[in-house]
Protein backbone atom coordinates (compact mmCIF):
# COMPACT_ATOMS: atom_id res chain seq x y z
CA MET A 1 -0.77 -43.48 -47.24
CA ARG A 2 -2.43 -42.81 -43.96
CA SER A 3 -1.14 -40.35 -41.41
CA SER A 4 -0.61 -41.64 -37.91
CA ARG A 5 -2.06 -38.43 -36.50
CA ARG A 6 -5.80 -38.30 -36.43
CA GLU A 7 -7.34 -35.03 -37.42
CA ARG A 8 -10.22 -34.46 -35.05
CA GLY A 9 -9.98 -30.70 -34.73
CA GLU A 10 -7.08 -30.54 -32.32
CA GLY A 11 -5.94 -27.00 -31.86
CA GLN A 12 -9.36 -25.37 -32.18
CA PHE A 13 -9.47 -24.65 -28.48
CA GLY A 14 -6.21 -22.71 -28.69
CA CYS A 15 -7.53 -20.75 -31.64
CA ILE A 16 -10.72 -19.85 -29.76
CA VAL A 17 -8.72 -18.72 -26.72
CA GLY A 18 -6.49 -16.63 -28.96
CA LEU A 19 -9.50 -15.00 -30.63
CA ILE A 20 -11.05 -14.24 -27.24
CA ILE A 21 -7.82 -12.62 -26.04
CA LEU A 22 -7.62 -10.63 -29.27
CA ALA A 23 -11.23 -9.47 -28.86
CA ILE A 24 -10.57 -8.37 -25.27
CA ALA A 25 -7.43 -6.48 -26.34
CA CYS A 26 -9.38 -4.74 -29.13
CA PHE A 27 -12.15 -3.79 -26.70
CA ILE A 28 -9.66 -2.32 -24.22
CA ALA A 29 -7.95 -0.37 -27.01
CA TYR A 30 -11.37 0.86 -28.22
CA LYS A 31 -12.05 2.30 -24.75
CA VAL A 32 -8.56 3.62 -23.85
CA ILE A 33 -7.11 5.03 -27.09
CA PRO A 34 -9.69 7.85 -27.52
CA VAL A 35 -9.02 9.02 -23.95
CA LYS A 36 -5.27 9.03 -24.59
CA VAL A 37 -5.72 11.00 -27.83
CA LYS A 38 -7.92 13.59 -26.10
CA ALA A 39 -5.44 13.89 -23.23
CA ALA A 40 -2.60 14.42 -25.71
CA ASP A 41 -4.64 17.16 -27.40
CA LEU A 42 -5.13 18.91 -24.04
CA ARG A 43 -1.41 18.45 -23.24
CA GLN A 44 -0.55 20.18 -26.52
CA GLU A 45 -2.92 23.06 -25.70
CA ILE A 46 -1.26 23.47 -22.28
CA GLN A 47 2.18 23.48 -23.89
CA ASP A 48 1.14 26.03 -26.52
CA ASP A 49 -0.40 28.31 -23.89
CA ALA A 50 2.70 28.03 -21.69
CA LYS A 51 4.86 29.06 -24.66
CA SER A 52 2.70 32.10 -25.39
CA ALA A 53 2.22 33.09 -21.74
CA GLY A 54 4.09 36.35 -22.30
CA MET A 55 1.35 37.56 -24.63
CA MET A 56 -1.65 36.25 -22.65
CA ASN A 57 -2.94 36.89 -19.15
CA ASP A 58 -3.87 34.09 -16.73
CA GLU A 59 -7.61 34.37 -17.36
CA ARG A 60 -7.15 34.00 -21.10
CA ILE A 61 -4.85 30.98 -20.63
CA ARG A 62 -7.35 29.41 -18.22
CA ALA A 63 -10.24 30.01 -20.62
CA SER A 64 -8.31 28.50 -23.52
CA ILE A 65 -7.37 25.34 -21.62
CA MET A 66 -10.83 24.89 -20.09
CA ALA A 67 -12.43 25.31 -23.53
CA LYS A 68 -10.17 22.58 -24.94
CA ALA A 69 -11.02 20.30 -21.98
CA ARG A 70 -14.76 20.86 -22.56
CA GLU A 71 -14.33 20.28 -26.31
CA ASN A 72 -12.64 16.93 -25.60
CA ASN A 73 -15.09 15.99 -22.80
CA LEU A 74 -12.29 15.78 -20.24
CA PRO A 75 -13.29 16.31 -16.59
CA LEU A 76 -10.82 19.07 -15.78
CA ALA A 77 -12.16 21.17 -12.91
CA ASP A 78 -11.25 24.84 -12.67
CA GLU A 79 -9.65 24.33 -9.24
CA ASN A 80 -7.38 21.61 -10.68
CA LEU A 81 -5.83 23.97 -13.20
CA LYS A 82 -3.02 26.06 -11.73
CA ILE A 83 -1.13 28.84 -13.48
CA VAL A 84 1.92 30.18 -11.66
CA ARG A 85 4.12 33.01 -12.87
CA GLY A 86 7.37 33.89 -11.23
CA GLY A 87 11.04 34.39 -11.97
CA ASN A 88 10.45 34.97 -15.70
CA GLN A 89 8.76 31.57 -15.84
CA CYS A 90 5.18 30.41 -16.37
CA THR A 91 4.15 26.99 -15.07
CA ILE A 92 0.79 25.47 -15.93
CA THR A 93 -0.35 22.38 -14.02
CA ALA A 94 -3.49 20.36 -14.69
CA ASP A 95 -4.64 17.30 -12.73
CA TYR A 96 -7.68 15.27 -13.73
CA VAL A 97 -9.05 11.74 -13.66
CA VAL A 98 -10.96 10.13 -16.52
CA PRO A 99 -13.11 7.11 -15.59
CA VAL A 100 -13.10 4.40 -18.27
CA GLU A 101 -15.97 1.97 -17.86
CA PHE A 102 -15.55 -1.72 -18.58
CA PRO A 103 -18.14 -4.40 -17.87
CA GLY A 104 -18.04 -4.83 -14.11
CA TYR A 105 -15.12 -2.45 -13.56
CA VAL A 106 -14.32 1.25 -13.78
CA TYR A 107 -10.67 2.09 -14.45
CA ARG A 108 -9.54 5.54 -13.36
CA MET A 109 -6.96 7.04 -15.72
CA GLU A 110 -5.11 9.74 -13.80
CA PHE A 111 -3.39 12.54 -15.70
CA HIS A 112 -0.90 15.09 -14.38
CA GLU A 113 0.18 17.61 -16.98
CA GLU A 114 2.81 20.21 -16.10
CA LYS A 115 4.46 22.53 -18.59
CA SER A 116 6.91 25.26 -17.74
CA ASN A 117 8.33 27.84 -20.14
CA PRO A 118 10.23 31.12 -19.82
CA ILE A 119 8.32 34.33 -20.34
CA PHE A 120 9.88 36.67 -22.89
């Protein structure tokens, strides 16, 4: 019995488009996920230093955070890291931009980390 539908490869174009979209999504993830992981690592360092601010002076906190930023190759400049103490509170703020290069385009991922904890 013969099928009325001829099989000439219909649907291959949709498969190719789907594979191209999947490849683009994987490429974007390959470029963006490591930056997000490194930023989360720096965010954790800022939070840990804010929690232990009662035992550390500002220079030691700054050195710790800047060392973590250098370790993770994050472009955090010293002037973009602010440590403010006041009212039994320590607030650490870090602003930085990580350029992510794609073919023909550079995406700027902007990060603003701010952690505030009481000083005991």
